[in-house]
């Protein structure tokens, strides 16, 4: 009995999201075709020059911009950043440190602290429950 494996494919937007790149900045042949799981794995394992350049210089999609700035995607929107940014633009924002960016970074730090507190509390409760058994 032989197994036939269907080639799982995805839309270019999904593949770009998984690769962490901004779809409109990718080559036309990438945007117009479908990407198989094998092709995606190959792109991740050995990125072609266009992919390496996009990852290094941008333009970057909002989730990547948010991560590089240390804020949430909603924080970007509150700060008025709705477009993809290049690495140079992100670095310039970090240097300028506008008030909205400092505020959003502080908010994000508080959220991380609260998440760590909740995680520690749940772990302590789980440990206490395990000791009670």
N, C-alpha and C. Protein backbone atom coordinates (compact mmCIF):
# COMPACT_ATOMS: atom_id res chain seq x y z
N UNK A 1 0.85 -1.18 0.00
CA UNK A 1 0.00 0.00 0.00
C UNK A 1 0.89 1.23 0.00
N UNK A 2 0.72 2.07 -0.98
CA UNK A 2 1.51 3.29 -1.05
C UNK A 2 0.66 4.47 -0.63
N UNK A 3 1.31 5.41 0.00
CA UNK A 3 0.59 6.62 0.43
C UNK A 3 0.85 7.72 -0.58
N UNK A 4 -0.21 8.38 -0.97
CA UNK A 4 -0.09 9.52 -1.85
C UNK A 4 -0.25 10.77 -1.03
N UNK A 5 0.77 11.60 -1.06
CA UNK A 5 0.73 12.82 -0.27
C UNK A 5 0.33 13.97 -1.19
N UNK A 6 -0.77 14.64 -0.83
CA UNK A 6 -1.19 15.80 -1.60
C UNK A 6 -0.26 16.96 -1.29
N UNK A 7 0.07 17.70 -2.31
CA UNK A 7 0.91 18.88 -2.10
C UNK A 7 0.02 19.98 -1.51
N UNK A 8 0.28 20.28 -0.29
CA UNK A 8 -0.50 21.32 0.39
C UNK A 8 -0.02 22.67 -0.12
N UNK A 9 -0.96 23.50 -0.58
CA UNK A 9 -0.58 24.81 -1.12
C UNK A 9 -1.24 25.91 -0.32
N UNK A 10 -0.71 27.11 -0.48
CA UNK A 10 -1.27 28.27 0.21
C UNK A 10 -1.19 29.47 -0.71
N UNK A 11 -1.99 30.45 -0.38
CA UNK A 11 -1.98 31.69 -1.13
C UNK A 11 -0.69 32.44 -0.84
N UNK A 12 -0.27 33.29 -1.77
CA UNK A 12 0.96 34.06 -1.54
C UNK A 12 0.90 34.91 -0.26
N UNK A 13 -0.28 35.45 0.07
CA UNK A 13 -0.40 36.27 1.28
C UNK A 13 -0.09 35.44 2.53
N UNK A 14 -0.57 34.21 2.56
CA UNK A 14 -0.30 33.32 3.69
C UNK A 14 1.18 32.99 3.77
N UNK A 15 1.78 32.68 2.63
CA UNK A 15 3.21 32.37 2.60
C UNK A 15 4.04 33.57 3.04
N UNK A 16 3.68 34.76 2.57
CA UNK A 16 4.41 35.97 2.96
C UNK A 16 4.31 36.19 4.46
N UNK A 17 3.14 35.94 5.01
CA UNK A 17 2.95 36.10 6.45
C UNK A 17 3.83 35.12 7.22
N UNK A 18 3.88 33.88 6.75
CA UNK A 18 4.71 32.87 7.41
C UNK A 18 6.20 33.19 7.28
N UNK A 19 6.57 33.84 6.18
CA UNK A 19 7.96 34.21 5.96
C UNK A 19 8.31 35.54 6.66
N UNK A 20 7.29 36.27 7.12
CA UNK A 20 7.53 37.54 7.80
C UNK A 20 7.93 38.66 6.86
N UNK A 21 7.38 38.65 5.65
CA UNK A 21 7.69 39.70 4.68
C UNK A 21 6.41 40.37 4.20
N UNK A 22 6.57 41.57 3.66
CA UNK A 22 5.48 42.38 3.15
C UNK A 22 5.18 41.94 1.71
N UNK A 23 4.00 41.38 1.49
CA UNK A 23 3.65 40.78 0.19
C UNK A 23 3.87 41.72 -1.00
N UNK A 24 3.41 43.00 -0.97
CA UNK A 24 3.61 43.85 -2.14
C UNK A 24 5.09 44.08 -2.51
N UNK A 25 6.01 43.80 -1.59
CA UNK A 25 7.43 43.99 -1.88
C UNK A 25 8.08 42.74 -2.46
N UNK A 26 7.34 41.63 -2.50
CA UNK A 26 7.90 40.39 -3.03
C UNK A 26 7.87 40.42 -4.56
N UNK A 27 8.66 39.56 -5.21
CA UNK A 27 8.66 39.51 -6.68
C UNK A 27 7.28 39.13 -7.23
N UNK A 28 7.00 39.57 -8.43
CA UNK A 28 5.70 39.33 -9.06
C UNK A 28 5.38 37.84 -9.15
N UNK A 29 6.36 37.01 -9.49
CA UNK A 29 6.10 35.57 -9.63
C UNK A 29 5.68 34.95 -8.30
N UNK A 30 6.17 35.50 -7.19
CA UNK A 30 5.75 35.01 -5.86
C UNK A 30 4.32 35.45 -5.59
N UNK A 31 3.98 36.68 -5.92
CA UNK A 31 2.65 37.23 -5.65
C UNK A 31 1.56 36.59 -6.50
N UNK A 32 1.91 36.13 -7.68
CA UNK A 32 0.89 35.65 -8.62
C UNK A 32 0.65 34.14 -8.55
N UNK A 33 1.54 33.39 -7.94
CA UNK A 33 1.39 31.94 -7.92
C UNK A 33 0.86 31.44 -6.60
N UNK A 34 0.90 30.14 -6.45
CA UNK A 34 0.60 29.51 -5.17
C UNK A 34 1.91 28.93 -4.65
N UNK A 35 1.98 28.76 -3.34
CA UNK A 35 3.21 28.27 -2.72
C UNK A 35 2.89 26.95 -2.03
N UNK A 36 3.65 25.92 -2.37
CA UNK A 36 3.44 24.62 -1.71
C UNK A 36 4.18 24.63 -0.38
N UNK A 37 3.82 23.68 0.46
CA UNK A 37 4.49 23.54 1.77
C UNK A 37 5.98 23.28 1.54
N UNK A 38 6.31 22.46 0.55
CA UNK A 38 7.71 22.15 0.25
C UNK A 38 8.47 23.40 -0.19
N UNK A 39 7.82 24.22 -1.03
CA UNK A 39 8.46 25.47 -1.48
C UNK A 39 8.68 26.42 -0.30
N UNK A 40 7.69 26.50 0.58
CA UNK A 40 7.82 27.36 1.76
C UNK A 40 8.98 26.88 2.64
N UNK A 41 9.05 25.58 2.86
CA UNK A 41 10.14 25.02 3.65
C UNK A 41 11.50 25.32 3.01
N UNK A 42 11.56 25.23 1.69
CA UNK A 42 12.81 25.52 0.98
C UNK A 42 13.17 27.00 1.11
N UNK A 43 12.17 27.88 1.02
CA UNK A 43 12.43 29.31 1.18
C UNK A 43 12.93 29.62 2.59
N UNK A 44 12.39 28.93 3.58
CA UNK A 44 12.82 29.16 4.96
C UNK A 44 14.21 28.59 5.21
N UNK A 45 14.50 27.44 4.64
CA UNK A 45 15.78 26.78 4.86
C UNK A 45 16.92 27.52 4.15
N UNK A 46 16.70 27.87 2.90
CA UNK A 46 17.72 28.57 2.12
C UNK A 46 17.07 29.74 1.39
N UNK A 47 16.92 30.89 2.10
CA UNK A 47 16.24 32.02 1.48
C UNK A 47 16.99 32.57 0.27
N UNK A 48 16.26 32.82 -0.83
CA UNK A 48 16.89 33.46 -1.98
C UNK A 48 17.27 34.90 -1.62
N UNK A 49 18.04 35.53 -2.48
CA UNK A 49 18.55 36.87 -2.18
C UNK A 49 17.42 37.88 -1.94
N UNK A 50 16.34 37.80 -2.74
CA UNK A 50 15.24 38.76 -2.57
C UNK A 50 14.62 38.64 -1.19
N UNK A 51 14.51 37.41 -0.68
CA UNK A 51 13.91 37.19 0.64
C UNK A 51 14.85 37.68 1.74
N UNK A 52 16.14 37.39 1.60
CA UNK A 52 17.12 37.86 2.59
C UNK A 52 17.13 39.38 2.63
N UNK A 53 17.09 40.02 1.46
CA UNK A 53 17.08 41.49 1.40
C UNK A 53 15.82 42.07 2.05
N UNK A 54 14.66 41.46 1.77
CA UNK A 54 13.42 41.94 2.37
C UNK A 54 13.45 41.82 3.89
N UNK A 55 13.94 40.70 4.36
CA UNK A 55 14.00 40.50 5.81
C UNK A 55 14.96 41.47 6.47
N UNK A 56 16.04 41.80 5.77
CA UNK A 56 17.05 42.70 6.34
C UNK A 56 16.63 44.17 6.24
N UNK A 57 16.18 44.59 5.07
CA UNK A 57 15.94 46.01 4.81
C UNK A 57 14.47 46.43 4.75
N UNK A 58 13.58 45.48 4.58
CA UNK A 58 12.16 45.82 4.47
C UNK A 58 11.80 46.20 3.06
N UNK A 59 10.62 46.72 2.85
CA UNK A 59 9.65 47.12 3.87
C UNK A 59 9.11 45.91 4.63
N UNK A 60 8.85 46.14 5.91
CA UNK A 60 8.40 45.09 6.81
C UNK A 60 6.89 45.20 7.05
N UNK A 61 6.20 44.07 7.21
CA UNK A 61 4.77 44.11 7.55
C UNK A 61 4.59 44.60 8.99
N UNK A 62 3.38 45.02 9.31
CA UNK A 62 3.11 45.61 10.63
C UNK A 62 3.53 44.74 11.81
N UNK A 63 3.29 43.41 11.79
CA UNK A 63 3.74 42.63 12.95
C UNK A 63 5.25 42.70 13.18
N UNK A 64 6.01 42.74 12.09
CA UNK A 64 7.47 42.83 12.21
C UNK A 64 7.86 44.23 12.69
N UNK A 65 7.21 45.26 12.15
CA UNK A 65 7.48 46.63 12.58
C UNK A 65 7.19 46.76 14.07
N UNK A 66 6.06 46.24 14.50
CA UNK A 66 5.68 46.32 15.91
C UNK A 66 6.72 45.61 16.78
N UNK A 67 7.15 44.44 16.38
CA UNK A 67 8.14 43.69 17.16
C UNK A 67 9.47 44.45 17.23
N UNK A 68 9.89 45.02 16.11
CA UNK A 68 11.17 45.75 16.09
C UNK A 68 11.11 47.01 16.94
N UNK A 69 9.92 47.61 17.04
CA UNK A 69 9.77 48.82 17.85
C UNK A 69 9.42 48.49 19.31
N UNK A 70 9.08 47.25 19.58
CA UNK A 70 8.74 46.85 20.95
C UNK A 70 7.37 47.32 21.39
N UNK A 71 6.42 47.35 20.43
CA UNK A 71 5.05 47.78 20.73
C UNK A 71 4.08 46.76 20.13
N UNK A 72 2.81 46.93 20.43
CA UNK A 72 1.79 46.07 19.83
C UNK A 72 1.36 46.64 18.47
N UNK A 73 0.66 45.82 17.71
CA UNK A 73 0.15 46.29 16.42
C UNK A 73 -0.87 47.41 16.66
N UNK A 74 -1.68 47.27 17.71
CA UNK A 74 -2.65 48.32 18.05
C UNK A 74 -1.91 49.60 18.43
N UNK A 75 -0.78 49.46 19.10
CA UNK A 75 0.03 50.62 19.46
C UNK A 75 0.55 51.34 18.23
N UNK A 76 0.90 50.58 17.20
CA UNK A 76 1.32 51.21 15.94
C UNK A 76 0.19 52.05 15.38
N UNK A 77 -1.01 51.48 15.37
CA UNK A 77 -2.17 52.19 14.83
C UNK A 77 -2.44 53.46 15.64
N UNK A 78 -2.35 53.34 16.97
CA UNK A 78 -2.57 54.53 17.81
C UNK A 78 -1.51 55.60 17.53
N UNK A 79 -0.32 55.15 17.15
CA UNK A 79 0.76 56.09 16.83
C UNK A 79 0.68 56.62 15.41
N UNK A 80 -0.29 56.15 14.64
CA UNK A 80 -0.47 56.64 13.28
C UNK A 80 0.35 55.91 12.24
N UNK A 81 0.98 54.79 12.61
CA UNK A 81 1.77 54.02 11.66
C UNK A 81 0.86 52.95 11.04
N UNK A 82 0.50 53.16 9.79
CA UNK A 82 -0.40 52.23 9.12
C UNK A 82 0.26 51.57 7.91
N UNK A 83 1.40 52.06 7.50
CA UNK A 83 2.09 51.54 6.33
C UNK A 83 3.26 50.66 6.74
N UNK A 84 3.73 49.86 5.80
CA UNK A 84 4.95 49.08 6.03
C UNK A 84 6.13 50.05 6.12
N UNK A 85 7.09 49.71 6.97
CA UNK A 85 8.26 50.56 7.14
C UNK A 85 9.52 49.78 6.80
N UNK A 86 10.53 50.50 6.34
CA UNK A 86 11.83 49.88 6.09
C UNK A 86 12.62 49.85 7.39
N UNK A 87 13.70 49.12 7.38
CA UNK A 87 14.56 49.05 8.56
C UNK A 87 15.10 50.43 8.91
N UNK A 88 15.47 51.22 7.89
CA UNK A 88 15.98 52.57 8.13
C UNK A 88 14.92 53.46 8.79
N UNK A 89 13.67 53.34 8.34
CA UNK A 89 12.58 54.12 8.94
C UNK A 89 12.35 53.70 10.39
N UNK A 90 12.44 52.41 10.66
CA UNK A 90 12.26 51.91 12.03
C UNK A 90 13.38 52.44 12.92
N UNK A 91 14.62 52.38 12.42
CA UNK A 91 15.75 52.89 13.19
C UNK A 91 15.62 54.39 13.45
N UNK A 92 15.11 55.12 12.46
CA UNK A 92 14.92 56.57 12.64
C UNK A 92 13.87 56.84 13.71
N UNK A 93 12.79 56.05 13.72
CA UNK A 93 11.77 56.21 14.76
C UNK A 93 12.34 55.93 16.14
N UNK A 94 13.19 54.91 16.23
CA UNK A 94 13.81 54.58 17.51
C UNK A 94 14.70 55.73 17.97
N UNK A 95 15.41 56.36 17.04
CA UNK A 95 16.29 57.48 17.39
C UNK A 95 15.49 58.70 17.81
N UNK A 96 14.41 59.00 17.08
CA UNK A 96 13.56 60.15 17.41
C UNK A 96 12.82 59.94 18.72
N UNK A 97 12.39 58.70 18.95
CA UNK A 97 11.59 58.30 20.11
C UNK A 97 10.45 59.30 20.35
N UNK A 98 9.49 59.35 19.40
CA UNK A 98 8.35 60.24 19.61
C UNK A 98 7.58 59.83 20.87
N UNK A 99 6.80 60.75 21.39
CA UNK A 99 6.08 60.52 22.64
C UNK A 99 5.20 59.27 22.56
N UNK A 100 4.51 59.09 21.42
CA UNK A 100 3.62 57.93 21.30
C UNK A 100 4.40 56.62 21.40
N UNK A 101 5.62 56.59 20.84
CA UNK A 101 6.42 55.37 20.87
C UNK A 101 6.88 55.06 22.29
N UNK A 102 7.33 56.06 23.00
CA UNK A 102 7.75 55.86 24.39
C UNK A 102 6.57 55.36 25.23
N UNK A 103 5.41 55.96 25.02
CA UNK A 103 4.21 55.57 25.77
C UNK A 103 3.80 54.14 25.44
N UNK A 104 3.81 53.78 24.16
CA UNK A 104 3.42 52.43 23.75
C UNK A 104 4.42 51.38 24.24
N UNK A 105 5.70 51.73 24.26
CA UNK A 105 6.71 50.80 24.79
C UNK A 105 6.48 50.55 26.28
N UNK A 106 6.14 51.63 27.00
CA UNK A 106 5.86 51.49 28.43
C UNK A 106 4.63 50.62 28.65
N UNK A 107 3.61 50.84 27.84
CA UNK A 107 2.39 50.03 27.93
C UNK A 107 2.71 48.57 27.65
N UNK A 108 3.50 48.31 26.63
CA UNK A 108 3.86 46.94 26.27
C UNK A 108 4.66 46.29 27.39
N UNK A 109 5.54 47.05 28.04
CA UNK A 109 6.32 46.51 29.16
C UNK A 109 5.40 46.12 30.32
N UNK A 110 4.39 46.95 30.59
CA UNK A 110 3.42 46.64 31.65
C UNK A 110 2.64 45.37 31.32
N UNK A 111 2.26 45.23 30.07
CA UNK A 111 1.51 44.04 29.63
C UNK A 111 2.37 42.80 29.83
N UNK A 112 3.66 42.87 29.44
CA UNK A 112 4.55 41.73 29.63
C UNK A 112 4.70 41.38 31.10
N UNK A 113 4.87 42.40 31.94
CA UNK A 113 4.99 42.16 33.38
C UNK A 113 3.74 41.48 33.93
N UNK A 114 2.58 41.96 33.53
CA UNK A 114 1.32 41.39 34.00
C UNK A 114 1.18 39.94 33.52
N UNK A 115 1.56 39.67 32.28
CA UNK A 115 1.50 38.30 31.77
C UNK A 115 2.44 37.38 32.55
N UNK A 116 3.62 37.87 32.90
CA UNK A 116 4.56 37.07 33.68
C UNK A 116 4.01 36.83 35.09
N UNK A 117 3.37 37.84 35.67
CA UNK A 117 2.78 37.69 37.00
C UNK A 117 1.68 36.63 36.99
N UNK A 118 0.82 36.68 35.99
CA UNK A 118 -0.28 35.71 35.87
C UNK A 118 0.28 34.31 35.66
N UNK A 119 1.30 34.19 34.81
CA UNK A 119 1.90 32.88 34.54
C UNK A 119 2.51 32.31 35.83
N UNK A 120 3.20 33.15 36.59
CA UNK A 120 3.81 32.70 37.86
C UNK A 120 2.73 32.29 38.85
N UNK A 121 1.64 33.05 38.89
CA UNK A 121 0.54 32.74 39.80
C UNK A 121 -0.09 31.39 39.44
N UNK A 122 -0.31 31.15 38.15
CA UNK A 122 -0.88 29.88 37.70
C UNK A 122 0.07 28.72 38.01
N UNK A 123 1.37 28.94 37.82
CA UNK A 123 2.35 27.89 38.11
C UNK A 123 2.36 27.57 39.60
N UNK A 124 2.29 28.60 40.43
CA UNK A 124 2.28 28.38 41.88
C UNK A 124 1.02 27.63 42.29
N UNK A 125 -0.11 27.98 41.70
CA UNK A 125 -1.37 27.29 42.02
C UNK A 125 -1.31 25.84 41.57
N UNK A 126 -0.77 25.59 40.38
CA UNK A 126 -0.64 24.22 39.88
C UNK A 126 0.28 23.40 40.78
N UNK A 127 1.35 24.03 41.24
CA UNK A 127 2.28 23.32 42.14
C UNK A 127 1.60 23.01 43.47
N UNK A 128 0.85 23.97 43.99
CA UNK A 128 0.13 23.76 45.26
C UNK A 128 -0.91 22.66 45.10
N UNK A 129 -1.62 22.66 43.98
CA UNK A 129 -2.61 21.61 43.72
C UNK A 129 -1.94 20.25 43.61
N UNK A 130 -0.78 20.19 43.00
CA UNK A 130 -0.06 18.92 42.85
C UNK A 130 0.41 18.40 44.20
N UNK A 131 0.79 19.30 45.09
CA UNK A 131 1.26 18.89 46.43
C UNK A 131 0.09 18.42 47.29
N UNK A 132 -1.09 18.94 47.05
CA UNK A 132 -2.28 18.56 47.83
C UNK A 132 -2.74 17.15 47.49
N UNK A 133 -2.34 16.62 46.36
CA UNK A 133 -2.81 15.29 45.94
C UNK A 133 -2.05 14.20 46.57
